[in-house]
Structure formats: C-alpha cells, structure tokens
Amino acid sequence: YPLDETCMVQPYIGGGISYTDFGE
C-alpha cells in the first residue's frame, strides 16, 4: 500500500502463489 494509512482511499498492488483445483 503506497499511501499513508490516514487516506480514505487505499490503492495497492500484490503478487504471490496460486493453487487451482479443477474439481470433477
């Protein structure tokens, strides 16, 4: 989150890992 926590609008970016279960 690039903005100060006092801002009412909080943009963000993120990344990580994903796991997809395709079921039946």
mmCIF file of all heavy atoms, coordinates in Angstrom:
data_MODEL
# 
_entry.id   MODEL 
# 
loop_
_atom_site.group_PDB 
_atom_site.id 
_atom_site.type_symbol 
_atom_site.label_atom_id 
_atom_site.label_alt_id 
_atom_site.label_comp_id 
_atom_site.label_asym_id 
_atom_site.label_entity_id 
_atom_site.label_seq_id 
_atom_site.pdbx_PDB_ins_code 
_atom_site.Cartn_x 
_atom_site.Cartn_y 
_atom_site.Cartn_z 
_atom_site.occupancy 
_atom_site.B_iso_or_equiv 
_atom_site.pdbx_formal_charge 
_atom_site.auth_seq_id 
_atom_site.auth_comp_id 
_atom_site.auth_asym_id 
_atom_site.auth_atom_id 
_atom_site.pdbx_PDB_model_num 
ATOM 1   N N   . TYR A 1 1  ? 0.856   -1.186  0.000   1.00 0.00 ? 1  TYR A N   1 
ATOM 2   C CA  . TYR A 1 1  ? 0.000   0.000   0.000   1.00 0.00 ? 1  TYR A CA  1 
ATOM 3   C C   . TYR A 1 1  ? 0.895   1.240   0.000   1.00 0.00 ? 1  TYR A C   1 
ATOM 4   O O   . TYR A 1 1  ? 1.580   1.505   0.987   1.00 0.00 ? 1  TYR A O   1 
ATOM 5   C CB  . TYR A 1 1  ? -0.888  0.022   1.240   1.00 0.00 ? 1  TYR A CB  1 
ATOM 6   C CG  . TYR A 1 1  ? -1.895  -1.089  1.328   1.00 0.00 ? 1  TYR A CG  1 
ATOM 7   C CD1 . TYR A 1 1  ? -1.518  -2.356  1.768   1.00 0.00 ? 1  TYR A CD1 1 
ATOM 8   C CD2 . TYR A 1 1  ? -3.227  -0.884  0.994   1.00 0.00 ? 1  TYR A CD2 1 
ATOM 9   C CE1 . TYR A 1 1  ? -2.445  -3.380  1.871   1.00 0.00 ? 1  TYR A CE1 1 
ATOM 10  C CE2 . TYR A 1 1  ? -4.166  -1.900  1.090   1.00 0.00 ? 1  TYR A CE2 1 
ATOM 11  C CZ  . TYR A 1 1  ? -3.767  -3.149  1.526   1.00 0.00 ? 1  TYR A CZ  1 
ATOM 12  O OH  . TYR A 1 1  ? -4.687  -4.169  1.621   1.00 0.00 ? 1  TYR A OH  1 
ATOM 13  N N   . PRO A 1 2  ? 0.906   2.051   -1.062  1.00 0.00 ? 2  PRO A N   1 
ATOM 14  C CA  . PRO A 1 2  ? 1.842   3.175   -1.138  1.00 0.00 ? 2  PRO A CA  1 
ATOM 15  C C   . PRO A 1 2  ? 1.432   4.395   -0.318  1.00 0.00 ? 2  PRO A C   1 
ATOM 16  O O   . PRO A 1 2  ? 2.288   5.215   0.030   1.00 0.00 ? 2  PRO A O   1 
ATOM 17  C CB  . PRO A 1 2  ? 1.857   3.513   -2.630  1.00 0.00 ? 2  PRO A CB  1 
ATOM 18  C CG  . PRO A 1 2  ? 0.525   3.073   -3.123  1.00 0.00 ? 2  PRO A CG  1 
ATOM 19  C CD  . PRO A 1 2  ? 0.168   1.853   -2.326  1.00 0.00 ? 2  PRO A CD  1 
ATOM 20  N N   . LEU A 1 3  ? 0.141   4.554   0.009   1.00 0.00 ? 3  LEU A N   1 
ATOM 21  C CA  . LEU A 1 3  ? -0.314  5.772   0.667   1.00 0.00 ? 3  LEU A CA  1 
ATOM 22  C C   . LEU A 1 3  ? -0.304  5.632   2.191   1.00 0.00 ? 3  LEU A C   1 
ATOM 23  O O   . LEU A 1 3  ? -0.265  4.520   2.733   1.00 0.00 ? 3  LEU A O   1 
ATOM 24  C CB  . LEU A 1 3  ? -1.728  6.126   0.197   1.00 0.00 ? 3  LEU A CB  1 
ATOM 25  C CG  . LEU A 1 3  ? -1.911  6.386   -1.295  1.00 0.00 ? 3  LEU A CG  1 
ATOM 26  C CD1 . LEU A 1 3  ? -3.336  6.816   -1.593  1.00 0.00 ? 3  LEU A CD1 1 
ATOM 27  C CD2 . LEU A 1 3  ? -0.915  7.419   -1.810  1.00 0.00 ? 3  LEU A CD2 1 
ATOM 28  N N   . ASP A 1 4  ? -0.360  6.766   2.848   1.00 0.00 ? 4  ASP A N   1 
ATOM 29  C CA  . ASP A 1 4  ? -0.427  6.786   4.302   1.00 0.00 ? 4  ASP A CA  1 
ATOM 30  C C   . ASP A 1 4  ? -1.761  6.201   4.768   1.00 0.00 ? 4  ASP A C   1 
ATOM 31  O O   . ASP A 1 4  ? -2.790  6.334   4.081   1.00 0.00 ? 4  ASP A O   1 
ATOM 32  C CB  . ASP A 1 4  ? -0.269  8.227   4.799   1.00 0.00 ? 4  ASP A CB  1 
ATOM 33  C CG  . ASP A 1 4  ? -0.181  8.292   6.315   1.00 0.00 ? 4  ASP A CG  1 
ATOM 34  O OD1 . ASP A 1 4  ? 0.929   8.103   6.844   1.00 0.00 ? 4  ASP A OD1 1 
ATOM 35  O OD2 . ASP A 1 4  ? -1.232  8.526   6.945   1.00 0.00 ? 4  ASP A OD2 1 
ATOM 36  N N   . GLU A 1 5  ? -1.764  5.574   5.942   1.00 0.00 ? 5  GLU A N   1 
ATOM 37  C CA  . GLU A 1 5  ? -2.958  4.893   6.430   1.00 0.00 ? 5  GLU A CA  1 
ATOM 38  C C   . GLU A 1 5  ? -4.098  5.836   6.741   1.00 0.00 ? 5  GLU A C   1 
ATOM 39  O O   . GLU A 1 5  ? -5.252  5.399   6.907   1.00 0.00 ? 5  GLU A O   1 
ATOM 40  C CB  . GLU A 1 5  ? -2.610  4.077   7.671   1.00 0.00 ? 5  GLU A CB  1 
ATOM 41  C CG  . GLU A 1 5  ? -2.070  4.900   8.827   1.00 0.00 ? 5  GLU A CG  1 
ATOM 42  C CD  . GLU A 1 5  ? -1.651  4.039   9.997   1.00 0.00 ? 5  GLU A CD  1 
ATOM 43  O OE1 . GLU A 1 5  ? -2.017  2.852   10.006  1.00 0.00 ? 5  GLU A OE1 1 
ATOM 44  O OE2 . GLU A 1 5  ? -0.962  4.560   10.891  1.00 0.00 ? 5  GLU A OE2 1 
ATOM 45  N N   . THR A 1 6  ? -3.838  7.143   6.843   1.00 0.00 ? 6  THR A N   1 
ATOM 46  C CA  . THR A 1 6  ? -4.911  8.100   7.120   1.00 0.00 ? 6  THR A CA  1 
ATOM 47  C C   . THR A 1 6  ? -5.762  8.397   5.885   1.00 0.00 ? 6  THR A C   1 
ATOM 48  O O   . THR A 1 6  ? -6.833  8.990   6.007   1.00 0.00 ? 6  THR A O   1 
ATOM 49  C CB  . THR A 1 6  ? -4.328  9.415   7.647   1.00 0.00 ? 6  THR A CB  1 
ATOM 50  O OG1 . THR A 1 6  ? -3.415  9.959   6.683   1.00 0.00 ? 6  THR A OG1 1 
ATOM 51  C CG2 . THR A 1 6  ? -3.599  9.192   8.971   1.00 0.00 ? 6  THR A CG2 1 
ATOM 52  N N   . CYS A 1 7  ? -5.291  8.016   4.695   1.00 0.00 ? 7  CYS A N   1 
ATOM 53  C CA  . CYS A 1 7  ? -6.049  8.242   3.466   1.00 0.00 ? 7  CYS A CA  1 
ATOM 54  C C   . CYS A 1 7  ? -7.267  7.313   3.419   1.00 0.00 ? 7  CYS A C   1 
ATOM 55  O O   . CYS A 1 7  ? -7.160  6.120   3.703   1.00 0.00 ? 7  CYS A O   1 
ATOM 56  C CB  . CYS A 1 7  ? -5.179  8.009   2.243   1.00 0.00 ? 7  CYS A CB  1 
ATOM 57  S SG  . CYS A 1 7  ? -3.789  9.145   2.092   1.00 0.00 ? 7  CYS A SG  1 
ATOM 58  N N   . MET A 1 8  ? -8.404  7.859   3.036   1.00 0.00 ? 8  MET A N   1 
ATOM 59  C CA  . MET A 1 8  ? -9.626  7.055   2.978   1.00 0.00 ? 8  MET A CA  1 
ATOM 60  C C   . MET A 1 8  ? -9.644  6.126   1.773   1.00 0.00 ? 8  MET A C   1 
ATOM 61  O O   . MET A 1 8  ? -10.372 5.134   1.760   1.00 0.00 ? 8  MET A O   1 
ATOM 62  C CB  . MET A 1 8  ? -10.851 7.973   2.963   1.00 0.00 ? 8  MET A CB  1 
ATOM 63  C CG  . MET A 1 8  ? -11.038 8.759   4.246   1.00 0.00 ? 8  MET A CG  1 
ATOM 64  S SD  . MET A 1 8  ? -12.466 9.871   4.190   1.00 0.00 ? 8  MET A SD  1 
ATOM 65  C CE  . MET A 1 8  ? -13.801 8.720   3.892   1.00 0.00 ? 8  MET A CE  1 
ATOM 66  N N   . VAL A 1 9  ? -8.865  6.432   0.755   1.00 0.00 ? 9  VAL A N   1 
ATOM 67  C CA  . VAL A 1 9  ? -8.732  5.564   -0.424  1.00 0.00 ? 9  VAL A CA  1 
ATOM 68  C C   . VAL A 1 9  ? -7.352  4.927   -0.391  1.00 0.00 ? 9  VAL A C   1 
ATOM 69  O O   . VAL A 1 9  ? -6.342  5.640   -0.324  1.00 0.00 ? 9  VAL A O   1 
ATOM 70  C CB  . VAL A 1 9  ? -8.925  6.365   -1.730  1.00 0.00 ? 9  VAL A CB  1 
ATOM 71  C CG1 . VAL A 1 9  ? -8.718  5.464   -2.937  1.00 0.00 ? 9  VAL A CG1 1 
ATOM 72  C CG2 . VAL A 1 9  ? -10.323 7.001   -1.763  1.00 0.00 ? 9  VAL A CG2 1 
ATOM 73  N N   . GLN A 1 10 ? -7.309  3.599   -0.416  1.00 0.00 ? 10 GLN A N   1 
ATOM 74  C CA  . GLN A 1 10 ? -6.061  2.861   -0.278  1.00 0.00 ? 10 GLN A CA  1 
ATOM 75  C C   . GLN A 1 10 ? -5.820  1.951   -1.484  1.00 0.00 ? 10 GLN A C   1 
ATOM 76  O O   . GLN A 1 10 ? -6.277  0.812   -1.523  1.00 0.00 ? 10 GLN A O   1 
ATOM 77  C CB  . GLN A 1 10 ? -6.091  2.020   1.005   1.00 0.00 ? 10 GLN A CB  1 
ATOM 78  C CG  . GLN A 1 10 ? -6.039  2.817   2.295   1.00 0.00 ? 10 GLN A CG  1 
ATOM 79  C CD  . GLN A 1 10 ? -4.649  3.410   2.522   1.00 0.00 ? 10 GLN A CD  1 
ATOM 80  O OE1 . GLN A 1 10 ? -3.636  2.845   2.139   1.00 0.00 ? 10 GLN A OE1 1 
ATOM 81  N NE2 . GLN A 1 10 ? -4.610  4.577   3.162   1.00 0.00 ? 10 GLN A NE2 1 
ATOM 82  N N   . PRO A 1 11 ? -5.105  2.441   -2.526  1.00 0.00 ? 11 PRO A N   1 
ATOM 83  C CA  . PRO A 1 11 ? -4.734  1.554   -3.627  1.00 0.00 ? 11 PRO A CA  1 
ATOM 84  C C   . PRO A 1 11 ? -3.608  0.614   -3.206  1.00 0.00 ? 11 PRO A C   1 
ATOM 85  O O   . PRO A 1 11 ? -2.861  0.893   -2.265  1.00 0.00 ? 11 PRO A O   1 
ATOM 86  C CB  . PRO A 1 11 ? -4.273  2.529   -4.719  1.00 0.00 ? 11 PRO A CB  1 
ATOM 87  C CG  . PRO A 1 11 ? -3.763  3.713   -3.944  1.00 0.00 ? 11 PRO A CG  1 
ATOM 88  C CD  . PRO A 1 11 ? -4.618  3.822   -2.720  1.00 0.00 ? 11 PRO A CD  1 
ATOM 89  N N   . TYR A 1 12 ? -3.487  -0.510  -3.921  1.00 0.00 ? 12 TYR A N   1 
ATOM 90  C CA  . TYR A 1 12 ? -2.432  -1.467  -3.601  1.00 0.00 ? 12 TYR A CA  1 
ATOM 91  C C   . TYR A 1 12 ? -2.107  -2.322  -4.826  1.00 0.00 ? 12 TYR A C   1 
ATOM 92  O O   . TYR A 1 12 ? -2.897  -2.409  -5.781  1.00 0.00 ? 12 TYR A O   1 
ATOM 93  C CB  . TYR A 1 12 ? -2.841  -2.371  -2.434  1.00 0.00 ? 12 TYR A CB  1 
ATOM 94  C CG  . TYR A 1 12 ? -4.068  -3.213  -2.705  1.00 0.00 ? 12 TYR A CG  1 
ATOM 95  C CD1 . TYR A 1 12 ? -3.995  -4.430  -3.395  1.00 0.00 ? 12 TYR A CD1 1 
ATOM 96  C CD2 . TYR A 1 12 ? -5.319  -2.798  -2.267  1.00 0.00 ? 12 TYR A CD2 1 
ATOM 97  C CE1 . TYR A 1 12 ? -5.113  -5.190  -3.652  1.00 0.00 ? 12 TYR A CE1 1 
ATOM 98  C CE2 . TYR A 1 12 ? -6.454  -3.552  -2.507  1.00 0.00 ? 12 TYR A CE2 1 
ATOM 99  C CZ  . TYR A 1 12 ? -6.344  -4.753  -3.205  1.00 0.00 ? 12 TYR A CZ  1 
ATOM 100 O OH  . TYR A 1 12 ? -7.474  -5.501  -3.458  1.00 0.00 ? 12 TYR A OH  1 
ATOM 101 N N   . ILE A 1 13 ? -0.937  -2.942  -4.779  1.00 0.00 ? 13 ILE A N   1 
ATOM 102 C CA  . ILE A 1 13 ? -0.549  -3.970  -5.741  1.00 0.00 ? 13 ILE A CA  1 
ATOM 103 C C   . ILE A 1 13 ? -0.042  -5.166  -4.944  1.00 0.00 ? 13 ILE A C   1 
ATOM 104 O O   . ILE A 1 13 ? 0.373   -5.039  -3.791  1.00 0.00 ? 13 ILE A O   1 
ATOM 105 C CB  . ILE A 1 13 ? 0.544   -3.474  -6.728  1.00 0.00 ? 13 ILE A CB  1 
ATOM 106 C CG1 . ILE A 1 13 ? 1.782   -3.001  -5.954  1.00 0.00 ? 13 ILE A CG1 1 
ATOM 107 C CG2 . ILE A 1 13 ? 0.002   -2.381  -7.629  1.00 0.00 ? 13 ILE A CG2 1 
ATOM 108 C CD1 . ILE A 1 13 ? 2.949   -2.652  -6.859  1.00 0.00 ? 13 ILE A CD1 1 
ATOM 109 N N   . GLY A 1 14 ? -0.080  -6.336  -5.558  1.00 0.00 ? 14 GLY A N   1 
ATOM 110 C CA  . GLY A 1 14 ? 0.376   -7.524  -4.844  1.00 0.00 ? 14 GLY A CA  1 
ATOM 111 C C   . GLY A 1 14 ? 0.691   -8.664  -5.778  1.00 0.00 ? 14 GLY A C   1 
ATOM 112 O O   . GLY A 1 14 ? 0.318   -8.660  -6.958  1.00 0.00 ? 14 GLY A O   1 
ATOM 113 N N   . GLY A 1 15 ? 1.367   -9.661  -5.236  1.00 0.00 ? 15 GLY A N   1 
ATOM 114 C CA  . GLY A 1 15 ? 1.704   -10.846 -6.011  1.00 0.00 ? 15 GLY A CA  1 
ATOM 115 C C   . GLY A 1 15 ? 2.022   -11.999 -5.077  1.00 0.00 ? 15 GLY A C   1 
ATOM 116 O O   . GLY A 1 15 ? 2.334   -11.805 -3.903  1.00 0.00 ? 15 GLY A O   1 
ATOM 117 N N   . GLY A 1 16 ? 1.923   -13.217 -5.612  1.00 0.00 ? 16 GLY A N   1 
ATOM 118 C CA  . GLY A 1 16 ? 2.200   -14.385 -4.775  1.00 0.00 ? 16 GLY A CA  1 
ATOM 119 C C   . GLY A 1 16 ? 1.992   -15.673 -5.542  1.00 0.00 ? 16 GLY A C   1 
ATOM 120 O O   . GLY A 1 16 ? 2.261   -15.763 -6.743  1.00 0.00 ? 16 GLY A O   1 
ATOM 121 N N   . ILE A 1 17 ? 1.493   -16.701 -4.844  1.00 0.00 ? 17 ILE A N   1 
ATOM 122 C CA  . ILE A 1 17 ? 1.308   -18.029 -5.435  1.00 0.00 ? 17 ILE A CA  1 
ATOM 123 C C   . ILE A 1 17 ? -0.186  -18.339 -5.502  1.00 0.00 ? 17 ILE A C   1 
ATOM 124 O O   . ILE A 1 17 ? -0.987  -17.814 -4.732  1.00 0.00 ? 17 ILE A O   1 
ATOM 125 C CB  . ILE A 1 17 ? 2.038   -19.126 -4.634  1.00 0.00 ? 17 ILE A CB  1 
ATOM 126 C CG1 . ILE A 1 17 ? 1.526   -19.183 -3.188  1.00 0.00 ? 17 ILE A CG1 1 
ATOM 127 C CG2 . ILE A 1 17 ? 3.536   -18.884 -4.661  1.00 0.00 ? 17 ILE A CG2 1 
ATOM 128 C CD1 . ILE A 1 17 ? 2.105   -20.333 -2.387  1.00 0.00 ? 17 ILE A CD1 1 
ATOM 129 N N   . SER A 1 18 ? -0.548  -19.205 -6.446  1.00 0.00 ? 18 SER A N   1 
ATOM 130 C CA  . SER A 1 18 ? -1.941  -19.618 -6.600  1.00 0.00 ? 18 SER A CA  1 
ATOM 131 C C   . SER A 1 18 ? -2.017  -21.135 -6.725  1.00 0.00 ? 18 SER A C   1 
ATOM 132 O O   . SER A 1 18 ? -1.087  -21.789 -7.227  1.00 0.00 ? 18 SER A O   1 
ATOM 133 C CB  . SER A 1 18 ? -2.579  -18.969 -7.836  1.00 0.00 ? 18 SER A CB  1 
ATOM 134 O OG  . SER A 1 18 ? -1.968  -19.443 -9.029  1.00 0.00 ? 18 SER A OG  1 
ATOM 135 N N   . TYR A 1 19 ? -3.130  -21.673 -6.256  1.00 0.00 ? 19 TYR A N   1 
ATOM 136 C CA  . TYR A 1 19 ? -3.415  -23.101 -6.373  1.00 0.00 ? 19 TYR A CA  1 
ATOM 137 C C   . TYR A 1 19 ? -4.820  -23.248 -6.935  1.00 0.00 ? 19 TYR A C   1 
ATOM 138 O O   . TYR A 1 19 ? -5.778  -22.718 -6.368  1.00 0.00 ? 19 TYR A O   1 
ATOM 139 C CB  . TYR A 1 19 ? -3.315  -23.785 -5.012  1.00 0.00 ? 19 TYR A CB  1 
ATOM 140 C CG  . TYR A 1 19 ? -3.787  -25.231 -5.002  1.00 0.00 ? 19 TYR A CG  1 
ATOM 141 C CD1 . TYR A 1 19 ? -2.963  -26.236 -5.496  1.00 0.00 ? 19 TYR A CD1 1 
ATOM 142 C CD2 . TYR A 1 19 ? -5.043  -25.563 -4.506  1.00 0.00 ? 19 TYR A CD2 1 
ATOM 143 C CE1 . TYR A 1 19 ? -3.392  -27.561 -5.491  1.00 0.00 ? 19 TYR A CE1 1 
ATOM 144 C CE2 . TYR A 1 19 ? -5.469  -26.884 -4.497  1.00 0.00 ? 19 TYR A CE2 1 
ATOM 145 C CZ  . TYR A 1 19 ? -4.641  -27.873 -4.985  1.00 0.00 ? 19 TYR A CZ  1 
ATOM 146 O OH  . TYR A 1 19 ? -5.070  -29.191 -4.996  1.00 0.00 ? 19 TYR A OH  1 
ATOM 147 N N   . THR A 1 20 ? -4.944  -23.928 -8.075  1.00 0.00 ? 20 THR A N   1 
ATOM 148 C CA  . THR A 1 20 ? -6.238  -24.107 -8.730  1.00 0.00 ? 20 THR A CA  1 
ATOM 149 C C   . THR A 1 20 ? -6.652  -25.568 -8.670  1.00 0.00 ? 20 THR A C   1 
ATOM 150 O O   . THR A 1 20 ? -5.937  -26.443 -9.159  1.00 0.00 ? 20 THR A O   1 
ATOM 151 C CB  . THR A 1 20 ? -6.189  -23.650 -10.201 1.00 0.00 ? 20 THR A CB  1 
ATOM 152 O OG1 . THR A 1 20 ? -5.702  -22.308 -10.275 1.00 0.00 ? 20 THR A OG1 1 
ATOM 153 C CG2 . THR A 1 20 ? -7.564  -23.720 -10.830 1.00 0.00 ? 20 THR A CG2 1 
ATOM 154 N N   . ASP A 1 21 ? -7.810  -25.828 -8.077  1.00 0.00 ? 21 ASP A N   1 
ATOM 155 C CA  . ASP A 1 21 ? -8.385  -27.165 -8.014  1.00 0.00 ? 21 ASP A CA  1 
ATOM 156 C C   . ASP A 1 21 ? -9.546  -27.209 -8.988  1.00 0.00 ? 21 ASP A C   1 
ATOM 157 O O   . ASP A 1 21 ? -10.540 -26.510 -8.818  1.00 0.00 ? 21 ASP A O   1 
ATOM 158 C CB  . ASP A 1 21 ? -8.854  -27.458 -6.589  1.00 0.00 ? 21 ASP A CB  1 
ATOM 159 C CG  . ASP A 1 21 ? -9.411  -28.868 -6.438  1.00 0.00 ? 21 ASP A CG  1 
ATOM 160 O OD1 . ASP A 1 21 ? -9.463  -29.593 -7.453  1.00 0.00 ? 21 ASP A OD1 1 
ATOM 161 O OD2 . ASP A 1 21 ? -9.799  -29.243 -5.313  1.00 0.00 ? 21 ASP A OD2 1 
ATOM 162 N N   . PHE A 1 22 ? -9.413  -28.050 -10.025 1.00 0.00 ? 22 PHE A N   1 
ATOM 163 C CA  . PHE A 1 22 ? -10.436 -28.092 -11.069 1.00 0.00 ? 22 PHE A CA  1 
ATOM 164 C C   . PHE A 1 22 ? -11.594 -29.019 -10.739 1.00 0.00 ? 22 PHE A C   1 
ATOM 165 O O   . PHE A 1 22 ? -12.504 -29.196 -11.547 1.00 0.00 ? 22 PHE A O   1 
ATOM 166 C CB  . PHE A 1 22 ? -9.800  -28.489 -12.403 1.00 0.00 ? 22 PHE A CB  1 
ATOM 167 C CG  . PHE A 1 22 ? -8.924  -27.418 -12.982 1.00 0.00 ? 22 PHE A CG  1 
ATOM 168 C CD1 . PHE A 1 22 ? -7.558  -27.448 -12.790 1.00 0.00 ? 22 PHE A CD1 1 
ATOM 169 C CD2 . PHE A 1 22 ? -9.473  -26.363 -13.683 1.00 0.00 ? 22 PHE A CD2 1 
ATOM 170 C CE1 . PHE A 1 22 ? -6.744  -26.452 -13.303 1.00 0.00 ? 22 PHE A CE1 1 
ATOM 171 C CE2 . PHE A 1 22 ? -8.674  -25.359 -14.210 1.00 0.00 ? 22 PHE A CE2 1 
ATOM 172 C CZ  . PHE A 1 22 ? -7.307  -25.410 -14.016 1.00 0.00 ? 22 PHE A CZ  1 
ATOM 173 N N   . GLY A 1 23 ? -11.575 -29.622 -9.566  1.00 0.00 ? 23 GLY A N   1 
ATOM 174 C CA  . GLY A 1 23 ? -12.717 -30.420 -9.146  1.00 0.00 ? 23 GLY A CA  1 
ATOM 175 C C   . GLY A 1 23 ? -12.961 -31.600 -10.070 1.00 0.00 ? 23 GLY A C   1 
ATOM 176 O O   . GLY A 1 23 ? -12.048 -32.148 -10.696 1.00 0.00 ? 23 GLY A O   1 
ATOM 177 N N   . GLU A 1 24 ? -14.213 -31.977 -10.185 1.00 0.00 ? 24 GLU A N   1 
ATOM 178 C CA  . GLU A 1 24 ? -14.602 -33.116 -11.011 1.00 0.00 ? 24 GLU A CA  1 
ATOM 179 C C   . GLU A 1 24 ? -15.249 -32.623 -12.297 1.00 0.00 ? 24 GLU A C   1 
ATOM 180 O O   . GLU A 1 24 ? -16.344 -32.076 -12.273 1.00 0.00 ? 24 GLU A O   1 
ATOM 181 C CB  . GLU A 1 24 ? -15.562 -34.025 -10.242 1.00 0.00 ? 24 GLU A CB  1 
ATOM 182 C CG  . GLU A 1 24 ? -14.942 -34.687 -9.017  1.00 0.00 ? 24 GLU A CG  1 
ATOM 183 C CD  . GLU A 1 24 ? -15.909 -35.612 -8.321  1.00 0.00 ? 24 GLU A CD  1 
ATOM 184 O OE1 . GLU A 1 24 ? -17.060 -35.735 -8.821  1.00 0.00 ? 24 GLU A OE1 1 
ATOM 185 O OE2 . GLU A 1 24 ? -15.535 -36.208 -7.308  1.00 0.00 ? 24 GLU A OE2 1 
# 
